[in-house]
Amino acid sequence: MFFRQYELALERGFEKEIESDFETISTTAVLKTPSPMENQVAKLYTQKIFLKFQEELVETFAYTANRIEEDGENSIFRVEKFEDDQKSYTVTLNHSELRANCSCQMFEFSGILCRHVLTVFTVSNVFTIPSHYILKRWTRDAKSGVALDECGGDSHARESLTSRYTNLCREAIRYAEDGAVAMETYDAAMGALREGG
């Protein structure tokens, strides 16, 4: 009974994935802003991720970013909603590397840039998303292996909690798929996982 339920769950998962792939291929992203960033990611991201990014981008129009400190290559900004200075976020931007860190930690958690960083990019005249912020797993051709390599020598990506989690999940799924084929491979995969744990 358990295995039948498991197979049904897998089938439903595959069906949802196929539907999502079809939606991404067959629909054209509707742009809501004249931003080059939106146009850029509309061509790269899957439909679902594009809509999440678009929501963050549209929200930037309700925020303001004020530089509160500058130290050579780094600037620190206070980002807050217009007429709401009760809740503010701190964004640090390295101008030479175009790397930004926000106190909300949304990128580290979800892999999508937050409205606060996007607001700072806009006021700093950064009009396209730097490549290190476009994670391969969110792109249209993530399955093909052609897109940007999330871990290919980029130490920031390797250090990212999201990236490490994704890589571990990918390896665990590969072990599970290969290990479930026969009892011998199951025993070997289970032994390797236990030894690694």
C-alpha atoms as a PDB file:
ATOM      1  CA  MET A   1       0.000   0.000   0.000  1.00  0.00           C
ATOM      2  CA  PHE A   2       2.840   2.373   0.920  1.00  0.00           C
ATOM      3  CA  PHE A   3       4.683   1.760  -2.359  1.00  0.00           C
ATOM      4  CA  ARG A   4       1.501   2.283  -4.373  1.00  0.00           C
ATOM      5  CA  GLN A   5       0.908   5.605  -2.602  1.00  0.00           C
ATOM      6  CA  TYR A   6       4.554   6.516  -3.177  1.00  0.00           C
ATOM      7  CA  GLU A   7       4.284   5.733  -6.914  1.00  0.00           C
ATOM      8  CA  LEU A   8       1.106   7.809  -7.179  1.00  0.00           C
ATOM      9  CA  ALA A   9       2.820  10.722  -5.448  1.00  0.00           C
ATOM     10  CA  LEU A  10       5.769  10.460  -7.841  1.00  0.00           C
ATOM     11  CA  GLU A  11       3.438  10.365 -10.844  1.00  0.00           C
ATOM     12  CA  ARG A  12       1.601  13.463  -9.615  1.00  0.00           C
ATOM     13  CA  GLY A  13       4.940  15.198  -9.104  1.00  0.00           C
ATOM     14  CA  PHE A  14       6.070  14.331 -12.637  1.00  0.00           C
ATOM     15  CA  GLU A  15       2.730  15.508 -14.059  1.00  0.00           C
ATOM     16  CA  LYS A  16       3.019  18.856 -12.235  1.00  0.00           C
ATOM     17  CA  GLU A  17       6.575  19.239 -13.503  1.00  0.00           C
ATOM     18  CA  ILE A  18       5.495  18.548 -17.091  1.00  0.00           C
ATOM     19  CA  GLU A  19       2.602  21.013 -16.758  1.00  0.00           C
ATOM     20  CA  SER A  20       4.976  23.634 -15.384  1.00  0.00           C
ATOM     21  CA  ASP A  21       7.438  23.036 -18.239  1.00  0.00           C
ATOM     22  CA  PHE A  22       4.627  23.347 -20.774  1.00  0.00           C
ATOM     23  CA  GLU A  23       3.391  26.570 -19.162  1.00  0.00           C
ATOM     24  CA  THR A  24       6.898  28.033 -19.305  1.00  0.00           C
ATOM     25  CA  ILE A  25       7.347  27.099 -22.969  1.00  0.00           C
ATOM     26  CA  SER A  26       3.890  28.058 -24.195  1.00  0.00           C
ATOM     27  CA  THR A  27       3.297  31.345 -22.380  1.00  0.00           C
ATOM     28  CA  THR A  28       4.912  34.689 -22.990  1.00  0.00           C
ATOM     29  CA  ALA A  29       5.770  36.723 -19.930  1.00  0.00           C
ATOM     30  CA  VAL A  30       3.668  39.860 -19.541  1.00  0.00           C
ATOM     31  CA  LEU A  31       5.920  42.731 -18.511  1.00  0.00           C
ATOM     32  CA  LYS A  32       4.549  45.217 -15.978  1.00  0.00           C
ATOM     33  CA  THR A  33       7.436  47.694 -15.918  1.00  0.00           C
ATOM     34  CA  PRO A  34       9.862  49.239 -18.420  1.00  0.00           C
ATOM     35  CA  SER A  35      12.752  47.834 -16.368  1.00  0.00           C
ATOM     36  CA  PRO A  36      15.570  46.104 -18.289  1.00  0.00           C
ATOM     37  CA  MET A  37      15.812  43.700 -15.321  1.00  0.00           C
ATOM     38  CA  GLU A  38      12.275  42.465 -15.895  1.00  0.00           C
ATOM     39  CA  ASN A  39      12.929  42.020 -19.603  1.00  0.00           C
ATOM     40  CA  GLN A  40      16.166  40.147 -18.837  1.00  0.00           C
ATOM     41  CA  VAL A  41      14.650  37.631 -16.416  1.00  0.00           C
ATOM     42  CA  ALA A  42      11.523  37.149 -18.535  1.00  0.00           C
ATOM     43  CA  LYS A  43      13.781  35.453 -21.080  1.00  0.00           C
ATOM     44  CA  LEU A  44      15.701  33.408 -18.498  1.00  0.00           C
ATOM     45  CA  TYR A  45      13.394  32.340 -15.669  1.00  0.00           C
ATOM     46  CA  THR A  46      10.603  29.787 -15.648  1.00  0.00           C
ATOM     47  CA  GLN A  47       7.126  31.306 -15.632  1.00  0.00           C
ATOM     48  CA  LYS A  48       6.533  30.587 -11.942  1.00  0.00           C
ATOM     49  CA  ILE A  49       9.841  32.106 -10.796  1.00  0.00           C
ATOM     50  CA  PHE A  50       9.450  35.052 -13.163  1.00  0.00           C
ATOM     51  CA  LEU A  51       6.119  35.919 -11.519  1.00  0.00           C
ATOM     52  CA  LYS A  52       7.749  35.834  -8.068  1.00  0.00           C
ATOM     53  CA  PHE A  53      10.592  38.057  -9.271  1.00  0.00           C
ATOM     54  CA  GLN A  54       8.122  40.392 -10.977  1.00  0.00           C
ATOM     55  CA  GLU A  55       6.195  40.783  -7.713  1.00  0.00           C
ATOM     56  CA  GLU A  56       9.401  41.861  -5.948  1.00  0.00           C
ATOM     57  CA  LEU A  57      10.314  44.240  -8.778  1.00  0.00           C
ATOM     58  CA  VAL A  58       6.895  45.921  -8.840  1.00  0.00           C
ATOM     59  CA  GLU A  59       7.135  46.461  -5.075  1.00  0.00           C
ATOM     60  CA  THR A  60      10.361  48.481  -5.538  1.00  0.00           C
ATOM     61  CA  PHE A  61       8.218  51.433  -6.657  1.00  0.00           C
ATOM     62  CA  ALA A  62       6.895  51.683  -3.094  1.00  0.00           C
ATOM     63  CA  TYR A  63      10.385  51.793  -1.537  1.00  0.00           C
ATOM     64  CA  THR A  64      13.145  54.340  -1.160  1.00  0.00           C
ATOM     65  CA  ALA A  65      16.853  53.688  -0.616  1.00  0.00           C
ATOM     66  CA  ASN A  66      19.076  56.184   1.195  1.00  0.00           C
ATOM     67  CA  ARG A  67      22.845  55.785   1.364  1.00  0.00           C
ATOM     68  CA  ILE A  68      23.792  56.008   5.030  1.00  0.00           C
ATOM     69  CA  GLU A  69      27.466  55.009   4.828  1.00  0.00           C
ATOM     70  CA  GLU A  70      30.151  54.694   2.180  1.00  0.00           C
ATOM     71  CA  ASP A  71      33.530  53.026   2.536  1.00  0.00           C
ATOM     72  CA  GLY A  72      35.498  52.789  -0.698  1.00  0.00           C
ATOM     73  CA  GLU A  73      33.852  50.071  -2.788  1.00  0.00           C
ATOM     74  CA  ASN A  74      31.055  49.412  -0.302  1.00  0.00           C
ATOM     75  CA  SER A  75      27.933  51.416   0.376  1.00  0.00           C
ATOM     76  CA  ILE A  76      25.320  50.785   3.030  1.00  0.00           C
ATOM     77  CA  PHE A  77      21.720  51.762   2.297  1.00  0.00           C
ATOM     78  CA  ARG A  78      18.638  52.027   4.469  1.00  0.00           C
ATOM     79  CA  VAL A  79      15.650  50.805   2.460  1.00  0.00           C
ATOM     80  CA  GLU A  80      12.126  51.521   3.646  1.00  0.00           C
ATOM     81  CA  LYS A  81       8.636  51.883   2.313  1.00  0.00           C
ATOM     82  CA  PHE A  82       7.489  55.420   1.538  1.00  0.00           C
ATOM     83  CA  GLU A  83       5.919  57.021   4.608  1.00  0.00           C
ATOM     84  CA  ASP A  84       6.722  53.970   6.763  1.00  0.00           C
ATOM     85  CA  ASP A  85      10.003  54.514   8.554  1.00  0.00           C
ATOM     86  CA  GLN A  86       9.040  52.087  11.338  1.00  0.00           C
ATOM     87  CA  LYS A  87      10.434  49.098   9.416  1.00  0.00           C
ATOM     88  CA  SER A  88      13.630  49.466   7.433  1.00  0.00           C
ATOM     89  CA  TYR A  89      16.142  47.074   5.892  1.00  0.00           C
ATOM     90  CA  THR A  90      19.891  47.420   5.522  1.00  0.00           C
ATOM     91  CA  VAL A  91      21.473  46.616   2.169  1.00  0.00           C
ATOM     92  CA  THR A  92      25.248  46.552   1.687  1.00  0.00           C
ATOM     93  CA  LEU A  93      26.404  46.923  -1.926  1.00  0.00           C
ATOM     94  CA  ASN A  94      29.896  46.214  -3.212  1.00  0.00           C
ATOM     95  CA  HIS A  95      30.063  48.379  -6.338  1.00  0.00           C
ATOM     96  CA  SER A  96      32.993  46.641  -8.052  1.00  0.00           C
ATOM     97  CA  GLU A  97      31.602  43.095  -7.722  1.00  0.00           C
ATOM     98  CA  LEU A  98      27.917  44.107  -7.826  1.00  0.00           C
ATOM     99  CA  ARG A  99      27.223  41.980  -4.774  1.00  0.00           C
ATOM    100  CA  ALA A 100      24.505  43.040  -2.373  1.00  0.00           C
ATOM    101  CA  ASN A 101      23.475  41.677   1.009  1.00  0.00           C
ATOM    102  CA  CYS A 102      20.122  42.510   2.558  1.00  0.00           C
ATOM    103  CA  SER A 103      19.137  42.143   6.188  1.00  0.00           C
ATOM    104  CA  CYS A 104      15.961  40.294   5.120  1.00  0.00           C
ATOM    105  CA  GLN A 105      18.112  37.432   3.708  1.00  0.00           C
ATOM    106  CA  MET A 106      15.541  36.567   1.030  1.00  0.00           C
ATOM    107  CA  PHE A 107      18.109  35.657  -1.631  1.00  0.00           C
ATOM    108  CA  GLU A 108      19.936  33.315   0.745  1.00  0.00           C
ATOM    109  CA  PHE A 109      16.635  31.665   1.660  1.00  0.00           C
ATOM    110  CA  SER A 110      14.816  31.474  -1.690  1.00  0.00           C
ATOM    111  CA  GLY A 111      17.352  32.287  -4.402  1.00  0.00           C
ATOM    112  CA  ILE A 112      15.321  35.275  -5.644  1.00  0.00           C
ATOM    113  CA  LEU A 113      16.463  38.866  -5.158  1.00  0.00           C
ATOM    114  CA  CYS A 114      14.329  40.862  -2.745  1.00  0.00           C
ATOM    115  CA  ARG A 115      12.665  44.217  -3.385  1.00  0.00           C
ATOM    116  CA  HIS A 116      15.213  45.894  -1.113  1.00  0.00           C
ATOM    117  CA  VAL A 117      18.249  44.836  -3.162  1.00  0.00           C
ATOM    118  CA  LEU A 118      16.374  45.616  -6.385  1.00  0.00           C
ATOM    119  CA  THR A 119      15.630  49.114  -5.062  1.00  0.00           C
ATOM    120  CA  VAL A 120      19.323  49.645  -4.274  1.00  0.00           C
ATOM    121  CA  PHE A 121      20.303  48.355  -7.728  1.00  0.00           C
ATOM    122  CA  THR A 122      17.901  50.845  -9.309  1.00  0.00           C
ATOM    123  CA  VAL A 123      19.221  53.879  -7.395  1.00  0.00           C
ATOM    124  CA  SER A 124      22.794  52.707  -8.087  1.00  0.00           C
ATOM    125  CA  ASN A 125      22.152  52.509 -11.847  1.00  0.00           C
ATOM    126  CA  VAL A 126      22.492  48.723 -12.032  1.00  0.00           C
ATOM    127  CA  PHE A 127      20.012  47.974 -14.804  1.00  0.00           C
ATOM    128  CA  THR A 128      20.489  44.230 -15.290  1.00  0.00           C
ATOM    129  CA  ILE A 129      20.745  41.397 -12.785  1.00  0.00           C
ATOM    130  CA  PRO A 130      24.380  40.290 -12.331  1.00  0.00           C
ATOM    131  CA  SER A 131      24.898  36.707 -13.489  1.00  0.00           C
ATOM    132  CA  HIS A 132      25.804  35.447 -10.003  1.00  0.00           C
ATOM    133  CA  TYR A 133      22.221  36.210  -8.912  1.00  0.00           C
ATOM    134  CA  ILE A 134      20.615  34.094 -11.638  1.00  0.00           C
ATOM    135  CA  LEU A 135      20.560  30.591 -10.230  1.00  0.00           C
ATOM    136  CA  LYS A 136      20.562  27.768 -12.739  1.00  0.00           C
ATOM    137  CA  ARG A 137      17.704  25.916 -11.069  1.00  0.00           C
ATOM    138  CA  TRP A 138      15.290  28.816 -11.769  1.00  0.00           C
ATOM    139  CA  THR A 139      16.105  29.079 -15.478  1.00  0.00           C
ATOM    140  CA  ARG A 140      14.111  27.714 -18.400  1.00  0.00           C
ATOM    141  CA  ASP A 141      16.917  25.400 -19.449  1.00  0.00           C
ATOM    142  CA  ALA A 142      17.928  24.193 -15.979  1.00  0.00           C
ATOM    143  CA  LYS A 143      17.462  20.561 -17.012  1.00  0.00           C
ATOM    144  CA  SER A 144      19.637  20.857 -20.108  1.00  0.00           C
ATOM    145  CA  GLY A 145      22.815  21.759 -18.239  1.00  0.00           C
ATOM    146  CA  VAL A 146      23.425  24.693 -20.633  1.00  0.00           C
ATOM    147  CA  ALA A 147      22.476  27.520 -18.283  1.00  0.00           C
ATOM    148  CA  LEU A 148      24.764  29.305 -15.862  1.00  0.00           C
ATOM    149  CA  ASP A 149      26.553  26.850 -13.607  1.00  0.00           C
ATOM    150  CA  GLU A 150      25.499  27.583 -10.061  1.00  0.00           C
ATOM    151  CA  CYS A 151      28.618  26.115  -8.504  1.00  0.00           C
ATOM    152  CA  GLY A 152      31.202  26.356 -11.279  1.00  0.00           C
ATOM    153  CA  GLY A 153      34.053  27.927  -9.370  1.00  0.00           C
ATOM    154  CA  ASP A 154      31.941  30.639  -7.780  1.00  0.00           C
ATOM    155  CA  SER A 155      32.896  30.649  -4.108  1.00  0.00           C
ATOM    156  CA  HIS A 156      29.894  32.837  -3.189  1.00  0.00           C
ATOM    157  CA  ALA A 157      27.499  30.232  -4.660  1.00  0.00           C
ATOM    158  CA  ARG A 158      29.261  27.426  -2.767  1.00  0.00           C
ATOM    159  CA  GLU A 159      28.956  29.404   0.449  1.00  0.00           C
ATOM    160  CA  SER A 160      25.262  30.120  -0.043  1.00  0.00           C
ATOM    161  CA  LEU A 161      22.939  28.127   2.223  1.00  0.00           C
ATOM    162  CA  THR A 162      20.446  27.773  -0.621  1.00  0.00           C
ATOM    163  CA  SER A 163      23.110  26.478  -2.993  1.00  0.00           C
ATOM    164  CA  ARG A 164      24.484  23.935  -0.525  1.00  0.00           C
ATOM    165  CA  TYR A 165      20.981  22.684   0.285  1.00  0.00           C
ATOM    166  CA  THR A 166      20.127  22.328  -3.411  1.00  0.00           C
ATOM    167  CA  ASN A 167      23.341  20.447  -4.200  1.00  0.00           C
ATOM    168  CA  LEU A 168      22.819  18.033  -1.299  1.00  0.00           C
ATOM    169  CA  CYS A 169      19.211  17.392  -2.372  1.00  0.00           C
ATOM    170  CA  ARG A 170      20.286  16.778  -5.967  1.00  0.00           C
ATOM    171  CA  GLU A 171      22.884  14.202  -4.881  1.00  0.00           C
ATOM    172  CA  ALA A 172      20.468  12.508  -2.469  1.00  0.00           C
ATOM    173  CA  ILE A 173      17.822  12.207  -5.200  1.00  0.00           C
ATOM    174  CA  ARG A 174      20.396  10.741  -7.606  1.00  0.00           C
ATOM    175  CA  TYR A 175      21.360   8.153  -4.967  1.00  0.00           C
ATOM    176  CA  ALA A 176      17.709   7.357  -4.313  1.00  0.00           C
ATOM    177  CA  GLU A 177      16.913   6.914  -8.016  1.00  0.00           C
ATOM    178  CA  ASP A 178      19.949   4.710  -8.664  1.00  0.00           C
ATOM    179  CA  GLY A 179      19.635   2.856  -5.369  1.00  0.00           C
ATOM    180  CA  ALA A 180      15.975   1.904  -5.738  1.00  0.00           C
ATOM    181  CA  VAL A 181      16.557  -0.082  -8.956  1.00  0.00           C
ATOM    182  CA  ALA A 182      17.689  -3.335  -7.325  1.00  0.00           C
ATOM    183  CA  MET A 183      18.271  -4.682  -3.840  1.00  0.00           C
ATOM    184  CA  GLU A 184      22.084  -4.682  -4.275  1.00  0.00           C
ATOM    185  CA  THR A 185      22.178  -1.024  -5.342  1.00  0.00           C
ATOM    186  CA  TYR A 186      19.686  -0.173  -2.587  1.00  0.00           C
ATOM    187  CA  ASP A 187      21.994  -1.704   0.045  1.00  0.00           C
ATOM    188  CA  ALA A 188      25.039   0.088  -1.404  1.00  0.00           C
ATOM    189  CA  ALA A 189      23.255   3.468  -1.575  1.00  0.00           C
ATOM    190  CA  MET A 190      21.820   3.097   1.922  1.00  0.00           C
ATOM    191  CA  GLY A 191      25.265   2.129   3.259  1.00  0.00           C
ATOM    192  CA  ALA A 192      26.856   5.169   1.591  1.00  0.00           C
ATOM    193  CA  LEU A 193      24.215   7.515   2.990  1.00  0.00           C
ATOM    194  CA  ARG A 194      24.572   6.107   6.500  1.00  0.00           C
ATOM    195  CA  GLU A 195      28.369   6.279   6.297  1.00  0.00           C
ATOM    196  CA  GLY A 196      28.208   9.861   5.029  1.00  0.00           C
ATOM    197  CA  GLY A 197      25.732  10.825   7.752  1.00  0.00           C
END
